[in-house]
Amino acid sequence: MRRLLLGLALAAAAAPAAAAPPALPGPVRAHLASLDSDCRSYGGRPGPMPKLVQSADLTGDGLADYVIDLNVYNCDGAASAMGAGQSGATMAVFVGAAGGQARKAYENTTYGANVVTTGGKARLWLDTAGAECGQRGANIPFSNWKFCSRALNWVPAKATFAYAPLAEAKMIQ
C-alpha cells in the first residue's frame, strides 16, 4: 500500500502543473476593485461572478482585450445598488497594450455584453434597446421597447469602439 501511495505521489509531482491564467492588467484590476468597494459601501458582499470579465482580441492587434459587464456583477445583499435594472448596467472595454497593460477604450449602459468568436475572429455584441435598435418615437413605455443585440467595431483612428451598422443588429423581441 505504501508503494502504491508513493507511486501516486511521484506521478502527481512529475505531471506538469496547469498553466495559471494570465494576470489581469493593473487598470482592469483597479476597475474590479472599485466595483467591489462600491458593493461593500452599499452594505453588500461581492459574490461569485465567473462571467464578469471576458477576454479576447477585439482589436485585431494580437493582444488580449477585456470586457467587464456589470450586468453579471453579484453584490450579495445590495444587488439593486449596482445596476442591472430596467435601465441596464454599465459595461466597459479595456484594450490590451504592450507590456501587459490596458486602457479603458469604451463604456456604455447595456443589458448584456457577449464576446462571440466566429472563424477565429472575436467580436463583442451588446444587448441594447430603443433608439439603438432603430426604434423611433418619444416617450415609448418600457413595455413597448424593442431589444436587440448589436456588434461593436474597433475604430483604430479614434482608438475606441462604435456600433456596427444597424442592419447587422439581431432583434431579441
Protein backbone atom coordinates (compact mmCIF):
# COMPACT_ATOMS: atom_id res chain seq x y z
CA MET A 1 0.00 0.00 0.00
CA ARG A 2 2.87 2.35 0.85
CA ARG A 3 4.44 1.71 -2.56
CA LEU A 4 1.14 2.48 -4.29
CA LEU A 5 0.77 5.78 -2.41
CA LEU A 6 4.42 6.67 -3.04
CA GLY A 7 3.99 5.86 -6.74
CA LEU A 8 0.88 8.03 -6.99
CA ALA A 9 2.63 10.89 -5.20
CA LEU A 10 5.64 10.70 -7.52
CA ALA A 11 3.40 10.57 -10.60
CA ALA A 12 1.47 13.62 -9.43
CA ALA A 13 4.71 15.51 -8.76
CA ALA A 14 6.03 14.65 -12.22
CA ALA A 15 2.86 15.80 -14.02
CA PRO A 16 3.05 19.35 -15.38
CA ALA A 17 1.07 21.90 -13.41
CA ALA A 18 -1.88 23.50 -15.15
CA ALA A 19 -0.98 26.88 -16.57
CA ALA A 20 -2.20 29.70 -14.37
CA PRO A 21 -4.46 32.20 -16.11
CA PRO A 22 -2.62 35.35 -17.13
CA ALA A 23 -2.79 38.18 -14.62
CA LEU A 24 -5.21 40.95 -15.41
CA PRO A 25 -3.64 44.32 -16.26
CA GLY A 26 -3.49 46.90 -13.48
CA PRO A 27 -6.26 49.17 -14.83
CA VAL A 28 -8.61 46.17 -15.14
CA ARG A 29 -7.80 45.03 -11.58
CA ALA A 30 -8.32 48.61 -10.34
CA HIS A 31 -11.73 48.80 -12.06
CA LEU A 32 -12.78 45.50 -10.47
CA ALA A 33 -11.53 46.65 -7.05
CA SER A 34 -13.60 49.82 -7.42
CA LEU A 35 -16.72 47.75 -8.16
CA ASP A 36 -16.07 45.60 -5.08
CA SER A 37 -15.55 48.71 -2.97
CA ASP A 38 -18.84 50.17 -4.23
CA CYS A 39 -20.64 46.91 -3.42
CA ARG A 40 -19.28 46.92 0.14
CA SER A 41 -20.13 50.62 0.61
CA TYR A 42 -23.78 49.76 -0.18
CA GLY A 43 -23.72 47.07 2.52
CA GLY A 44 -23.24 44.17 0.11
CA ARG A 45 -20.64 41.47 -0.33
CA PRO A 46 -19.09 40.59 -3.71
CA GLY A 47 -20.14 37.05 -4.63
CA PRO A 48 -19.06 34.62 -7.34
CA MET A 49 -19.02 36.12 -10.85
CA PRO A 50 -17.40 33.74 -13.33
CA LYS A 51 -18.58 35.76 -16.36
CA LEU A 52 -17.81 39.27 -15.10
CA VAL A 53 -14.64 39.58 -17.19
CA GLN A 54 -14.47 38.28 -20.75
CA SER A 55 -11.13 38.31 -22.54
CA ALA A 56 -10.50 38.20 -26.30
CA ASP A 57 -8.60 40.07 -29.00
CA LEU A 58 -11.30 42.52 -30.10
CA THR A 59 -8.99 44.99 -31.89
CA GLY A 60 -7.06 42.56 -34.11
CA ASP A 61 -3.68 43.52 -32.66
CA GLY A 62 -2.96 40.10 -31.16
CA LEU A 63 -3.30 41.37 -27.57
CA ALA A 64 -6.00 40.40 -25.08
CA ASP A 65 -8.76 42.94 -24.53
CA TYR A 66 -11.08 42.80 -21.52
CA VAL A 67 -14.86 43.27 -21.26
CA ILE A 68 -16.33 43.93 -17.82
CA ASP A 69 -20.12 43.63 -17.73
CA LEU A 70 -21.78 44.98 -14.59
CA ASN A 71 -24.98 43.18 -15.63
CA VAL A 72 -23.45 39.99 -14.19
CA TYR A 73 -21.92 41.60 -11.09
CA ASN A 74 -23.02 39.72 -7.98
CA CYS A 75 -23.33 42.04 -4.96
CA ASP A 76 -25.00 39.85 -2.34
CA GLY A 77 -27.20 42.00 -0.11
CA ALA A 78 -27.17 45.11 -2.33
CA ALA A 79 -27.77 43.88 -5.87
CA SER A 80 -30.06 46.73 -6.88
CA ALA A 81 -27.45 49.32 -5.89
CA MET A 82 -25.06 48.01 -8.53
CA GLY A 83 -27.38 48.49 -11.52
CA ALA A 84 -28.76 45.87 -13.91
CA GLY A 85 -32.34 47.04 -13.54
CA GLN A 86 -34.77 48.36 -16.15
CA SER A 87 -32.09 50.72 -17.45
CA GLY A 88 -29.41 48.05 -17.75
CA ALA A 89 -25.92 48.38 -16.33
CA THR A 90 -22.55 49.73 -17.31
CA MET A 91 -20.08 47.68 -19.29
CA ALA A 92 -16.52 48.67 -20.13
CA VAL A 93 -13.91 47.51 -22.60
CA PHE A 94 -10.23 47.76 -21.78
CA VAL A 95 -7.92 47.31 -24.77
CA GLY A 96 -4.66 45.50 -24.21
CA ALA A 97 -1.36 47.28 -24.64
CA ALA A 98 2.29 46.24 -24.73
CA GLY A 99 3.85 45.07 -21.51
CA GLY A 100 0.64 43.56 -20.15
CA GLN A 101 -1.06 46.94 -19.78
CA ALA A 102 -4.57 48.07 -20.80
CA ARG A 103 -6.64 51.23 -21.03
CA LYS A 104 -10.38 51.85 -20.99
CA ALA A 105 -11.46 52.44 -24.58
CA TYR A 106 -15.26 52.16 -24.37
CA GLU A 107 -18.06 52.34 -21.81
CA ASN A 108 -21.82 52.17 -22.25
CA THR A 109 -25.01 51.14 -20.49
CA THR A 110 -26.39 47.87 -21.84
CA TYR A 111 -28.45 44.83 -20.90
CA GLY A 112 -25.58 42.43 -21.55
CA ALA A 113 -22.24 42.01 -23.31
CA ASN A 114 -21.15 38.84 -25.10
CA VAL A 115 -17.94 38.02 -26.91
CA VAL A 116 -18.68 35.78 -29.90
CA THR A 117 -15.89 34.14 -31.87
CA THR A 118 -16.61 33.18 -35.48
CA GLY A 119 -13.96 31.95 -37.88
CA GLY A 120 -11.25 32.74 -35.34
CA LYS A 121 -12.29 36.41 -35.03
CA ALA A 122 -13.76 37.68 -31.75
CA ARG A 123 -16.48 40.30 -31.79
CA LEU A 124 -18.33 42.00 -28.95
CA TRP A 125 -22.14 42.09 -29.07
CA LEU A 126 -24.12 44.38 -26.76
CA ASP A 127 -27.75 43.86 -25.83
CA THR A 128 -29.48 47.22 -26.03
CA ALA A 129 -32.90 48.74 -26.70
CA GLY A 130 -34.97 51.58 -28.12
CA ALA A 131 -33.28 54.06 -30.44
CA GLU A 132 -30.08 51.98 -30.54
CA CYS A 133 -32.22 49.24 -32.15
CA GLY A 134 -33.74 51.66 -34.66
CA GLN A 135 -36.94 52.33 -32.71
CA ARG A 136 -38.35 55.80 -33.30
CA GLY A 137 -40.72 57.83 -31.20
CA ALA A 138 -40.69 59.76 -27.96
CA ASN A 139 -41.96 58.60 -24.59
CA ILE A 140 -42.38 54.95 -25.56
CA PRO A 141 -43.33 52.89 -22.48
CA PHE A 142 -40.66 50.39 -21.44
CA SER A 143 -43.09 47.54 -22.13
CA ASN A 144 -43.06 48.55 -25.82
CA TRP A 145 -39.30 48.94 -26.24
CA LYS A 146 -37.61 46.85 -28.91
CA PHE A 147 -34.49 44.98 -27.81
CA CYS A 148 -31.61 43.90 -29.99
CA SER A 149 -28.02 42.75 -29.90
CA ARG A 150 -25.55 45.00 -31.73
CA ALA A 151 -21.95 44.32 -32.60
CA LEU A 152 -19.18 46.77 -31.88
CA ASN A 153 -16.45 47.55 -34.40
CA TRP A 154 -12.97 48.76 -33.46
CA VAL A 155 -12.25 52.22 -34.92
CA PRO A 156 -8.43 52.50 -34.94
CA ALA A 157 -8.37 56.19 -35.95
CA LYS A 158 -10.35 57.06 -32.81
CA ALA A 159 -8.94 54.27 -30.62
CA THR A 160 -12.43 53.27 -29.49
CA PHE A 161 -15.38 51.11 -30.47
CA ALA A 162 -18.56 52.10 -32.30
CA TYR A 163 -21.74 50.25 -33.09
CA ALA A 164 -21.72 48.27 -36.34
CA PRO A 165 -24.40 49.32 -38.84
CA LEU A 166 -27.95 48.83 -37.63
CA ALA A 167 -28.52 46.37 -40.49
CA GLU A 168 -26.31 43.89 -38.60
CA ALA A 169 -28.42 44.09 -35.42
CA LYS A 170 -30.13 40.92 -34.21
CA MET A 171 -33.58 41.59 -32.81
CA ILE A 172 -34.23 40.00 -29.41
CA GLN A 173 -38.01 40.54 -29.33
